[in-house]
């Protein structure tokens, strides 16, 4: 039988961000992406891959305590910060407070997430450079 309370909760969840139904522009954009977006997607993948290589090189030279687990399928990187001996939630808060950089706290994913931060690299290279510099300043400040 129908539960009106549950039905309303589901309706609110789907419609809160206006994702319950596409608008006229979404339909045209979806068709264009599927029919004409191959070159753009290939270029995007290459760009994100270069961003991952940039993070890898930066960590190896500037923050060797942070170990990178490169993703094979997404633009989100896992950064192993266990060498700092602090739960990632504390590091996350310190980094956010001291630099304004917003990474994801691995603790919210459970398991050994307490040893990891997550970094989104689907951004312009200039943003990534700025974020890496902020990360370094914040982590270097822990040692002072």
Foldseek 3Di string as FASTA:
>chain_A
DDDVVVVVVVVCVCPVVDNVDDDPVVVVVVVCCVPPVPVVVVVLVVQLVVLVVVVQVCCVVQPVLWDWDDDPPAQKIKIFNCSVVFFQVVLQVQLCVQQVQHWAQLPVVDDSSRRITMDGSSDPSVVSVSNSVSSSVSVVVVVD
